[in-house]
Amino acid sequence: MKHSAFNQAFMKLFTLITLCFIAFGFTGNLGLDTYEVYLNDKLILKHSVNQPLSLRTLQLDKATADDQLRIIYTHCMVKGAGTDRSLAIKNEKGTMLKKWDFANASGSNLSMTIPVKELLKIEKANADHDLRLYYAARELPKGEMLALIQTDQKSIAGNK
C-alpha cells in the first residue's frame, strides 16, 4: 500500500514538472525594446517602450545648429539593432514631414544620427505644429513614437 501511494505521489510530481517544462519551454524571449537619445555625446532621454506612458520630450533648447542627435534603438527579440531602420518627423496629425533611412548596423555602432540643423529647418517650417520623432524597422513596421520635440528658436539662434 505504501508503495502504491509513493508511486502516485511520484507520478503527480513528474506530471507537474513535465507541464512546467512544456508551459515555460516555449515562451518567447521576454524583454523590452529600449532606446537612448543623445545630443552629441550627452544622454538626454532613455526609455523602455513598455514603461508606463509618460510625456517623452526632447528638449533641444540648448542645441546648436552644429549639434548631432544620436538615437540608439535596441530590440529585445534580436538583442540589438533592427534592420531597414528609419527615423521620421511627423506632425500631430501623423503627416510625415521628413524621413531618414539608415543602413543596417554592423559591429558595435547601433546609432542613427540626425543633424540638429535639419530638425531646426523642419521646426521653423512647421512652427504651428507639434513635432514627433518616430522610429520604424522591419522588426517594428508600424513604428514607435519616441518623443515630442521641443525647441526654443530664439535660444538656438543665439547659439549659432
Protein backbone atom coordinates (compact mmCIF):
# COMPACT_ATOMS: atom_id res chain seq x y z
CA MET A 1 0.00 0.00 0.00
CA LYS A 2 2.83 2.40 0.89
CA HIS A 3 4.50 1.54 -2.41
CA SER A 4 1.31 2.46 -4.35
CA ALA A 5 0.92 5.81 -2.52
CA PHE A 6 4.58 6.61 -3.22
CA ASN A 7 4.11 5.83 -6.95
CA GLN A 8 1.01 8.07 -7.13
CA ALA A 9 2.83 10.99 -5.47
CA PHE A 10 5.84 10.46 -7.75
CA MET A 11 3.61 10.42 -10.85
CA LYS A 12 1.86 13.63 -9.79
CA LEU A 13 5.20 15.35 -9.21
CA PHE A 14 6.56 14.09 -12.53
CA THR A 15 3.42 15.31 -14.34
CA LEU A 16 3.69 18.75 -12.70
CA ILE A 17 7.36 19.11 -13.66
CA THR A 18 6.60 17.99 -17.23
CA LEU A 19 3.76 20.51 -17.54
CA CYS A 20 6.05 23.28 -16.24
CA PHE A 21 8.70 22.45 -18.83
CA ILE A 22 6.08 22.46 -21.58
CA ALA A 23 4.48 25.70 -20.42
CA PHE A 24 7.70 27.66 -19.94
CA GLY A 25 9.82 25.97 -22.57
CA PHE A 26 8.02 27.58 -25.49
CA THR A 27 7.62 31.15 -24.28
CA GLY A 28 9.37 33.83 -26.29
CA ASN A 29 12.45 35.60 -25.16
CA LEU A 30 10.82 38.24 -22.98
CA GLY A 31 12.40 41.62 -22.67
CA LEU A 32 11.99 45.26 -23.51
CA ASP A 33 12.72 47.37 -26.53
CA THR A 34 14.75 50.31 -25.29
CA TYR A 35 16.11 53.46 -26.80
CA GLU A 36 18.53 56.19 -25.87
CA VAL A 37 18.75 59.66 -27.36
CA TYR A 38 21.97 61.64 -27.19
CA LEU A 39 22.69 65.24 -28.06
CA ASN A 40 26.23 64.82 -29.30
CA ASP A 41 27.61 62.53 -26.58
CA LYS A 42 25.28 63.60 -23.75
CA LEU A 43 22.38 61.27 -22.89
CA ILE A 44 19.17 63.32 -22.86
CA LEU A 45 16.49 60.59 -22.94
CA LYS A 46 16.41 56.88 -22.08
CA HIS A 47 13.22 54.86 -22.19
CA SER A 48 11.89 51.29 -22.27
CA VAL A 49 8.99 51.00 -24.67
CA ASN A 50 6.51 49.29 -22.36
CA GLN A 51 7.16 51.52 -19.35
CA PRO A 52 4.11 53.46 -18.19
CA LEU A 53 3.09 56.16 -20.63
CA SER A 54 4.85 59.39 -19.86
CA LEU A 55 5.45 62.57 -21.75
CA ARG A 56 8.70 61.86 -23.53
CA THR A 57 10.04 65.19 -24.65
CA LEU A 58 13.30 66.05 -26.34
CA GLN A 59 14.41 69.40 -25.01
CA LEU A 60 16.62 70.84 -27.72
CA ASP A 61 16.63 74.42 -26.47
CA LYS A 62 20.36 74.25 -25.67
CA ALA A 63 21.26 72.66 -29.00
CA THR A 64 23.18 74.47 -31.70
CA ALA A 65 22.82 74.02 -35.44
CA ASP A 66 26.15 72.14 -35.48
CA ASP A 67 24.99 69.53 -32.95
CA GLN A 68 24.03 65.95 -33.75
CA LEU A 69 21.08 63.99 -32.39
CA ARG A 70 22.03 60.33 -32.00
CA ILE A 71 19.44 57.61 -31.38
CA ILE A 72 20.16 54.01 -30.37
CA TYR A 73 17.14 51.69 -30.52
CA THR A 74 17.63 48.15 -29.24
CA HIS A 75 15.08 45.43 -29.97
CA CYS A 76 14.59 42.82 -27.26
CA MET A 77 13.93 39.91 -29.60
CA VAL A 78 17.01 40.41 -31.76
CA LYS A 79 19.09 41.75 -28.85
CA GLY A 80 20.42 44.55 -30.99
CA ALA A 81 19.58 46.96 -33.76
CA GLY A 82 16.76 46.34 -36.16
CA THR A 83 17.06 46.06 -39.93
CA ASP A 84 15.81 48.54 -42.54
CA ARG A 85 15.75 51.22 -39.84
CA SER A 86 14.36 54.70 -40.25
CA LEU A 87 13.60 57.80 -38.22
CA ALA A 88 10.87 60.23 -39.15
CA ILE A 89 9.46 63.53 -38.02
CA LYS A 90 5.67 63.69 -38.09
CA ASN A 91 3.21 66.35 -37.02
CA GLU A 92 0.36 65.79 -34.55
CA LYS A 93 -1.88 64.50 -37.37
CA GLY A 94 0.65 61.82 -38.35
CA THR A 95 1.76 63.54 -41.56
CA MET A 96 5.37 62.65 -42.31
CA LEU A 97 7.50 65.77 -42.71
CA LYS A 98 10.93 64.17 -43.11
CA LYS A 99 12.31 60.63 -43.10
CA TRP A 100 15.87 59.38 -42.68
CA ASP A 101 16.77 55.82 -43.71
CA PHE A 102 19.75 54.09 -42.11
CA ALA A 103 21.94 51.19 -43.14
CA ASN A 104 21.74 48.01 -41.12
CA ALA A 105 24.03 48.27 -38.12
CA SER A 106 27.31 46.40 -38.20
CA GLY A 107 29.62 45.88 -35.30
CA SER A 108 29.00 47.73 -32.07
CA ASN A 109 27.79 51.03 -33.56
CA LEU A 110 23.98 50.85 -33.39
CA SER A 111 23.38 54.59 -33.58
CA MET A 112 21.37 56.63 -36.07
CA THR A 113 22.42 60.27 -36.37
CA ILE A 114 20.39 63.31 -37.43
CA PRO A 115 21.91 66.80 -37.78
CA VAL A 116 20.12 69.23 -35.46
CA LYS A 117 20.14 71.85 -38.23
CA GLU A 118 17.72 69.64 -40.20
CA LEU A 119 15.39 69.44 -37.20
CA LEU A 120 15.53 73.22 -36.87
CA LYS A 121 14.55 73.68 -40.54
CA ILE A 122 11.58 71.36 -40.09
CA GLU A 123 10.57 73.08 -36.85
CA LYS A 124 10.78 76.52 -38.45
CA ALA A 125 8.67 75.44 -41.44
CA ASN A 126 6.09 73.83 -39.13
CA ALA A 127 6.08 76.27 -36.20
CA ASP A 128 2.32 75.90 -35.69
CA HIS A 129 2.51 72.09 -35.33
CA ASP A 130 3.71 69.68 -32.66
CA LEU A 131 6.59 67.60 -33.98
CA ARG A 132 7.17 63.99 -33.02
CA LEU A 133 10.13 61.69 -33.58
CA TYR A 134 9.26 58.18 -34.79
CA TYR A 135 11.33 55.02 -35.24
CA ALA A 136 10.48 52.13 -37.58
CA ALA A 137 12.27 48.96 -38.68
CA ARG A 138 11.46 45.64 -40.28
CA GLU A 139 11.02 44.30 -36.73
CA LEU A 140 8.66 47.20 -35.88
CA PRO A 141 6.88 48.06 -39.15
CA LYS A 142 4.12 50.20 -37.60
CA GLY A 143 6.75 52.30 -35.87
CA GLU A 144 7.06 53.72 -32.39
CA MET A 145 6.79 57.33 -31.29
CA LEU A 146 9.96 58.11 -29.37
CA ALA A 147 9.37 61.67 -28.26
CA LEU A 148 7.88 65.08 -28.77
CA ILE A 149 10.43 67.60 -30.00
CA GLN A 150 10.63 70.95 -28.24
CA THR A 151 12.96 73.70 -29.32
CA ASP A 152 13.27 77.35 -28.44
CA GLN A 153 14.21 79.00 -31.71
CA LYS A 154 15.41 82.19 -30.01
CA SER A 155 17.92 80.45 -27.78
CA ILE A 156 19.07 78.20 -30.62
CA ALA A 157 19.51 81.14 -32.99
CA GLY A 158 21.64 82.81 -30.32
CA ASN A 159 23.89 79.71 -30.12
CA LYS A 160 24.78 79.66 -33.84
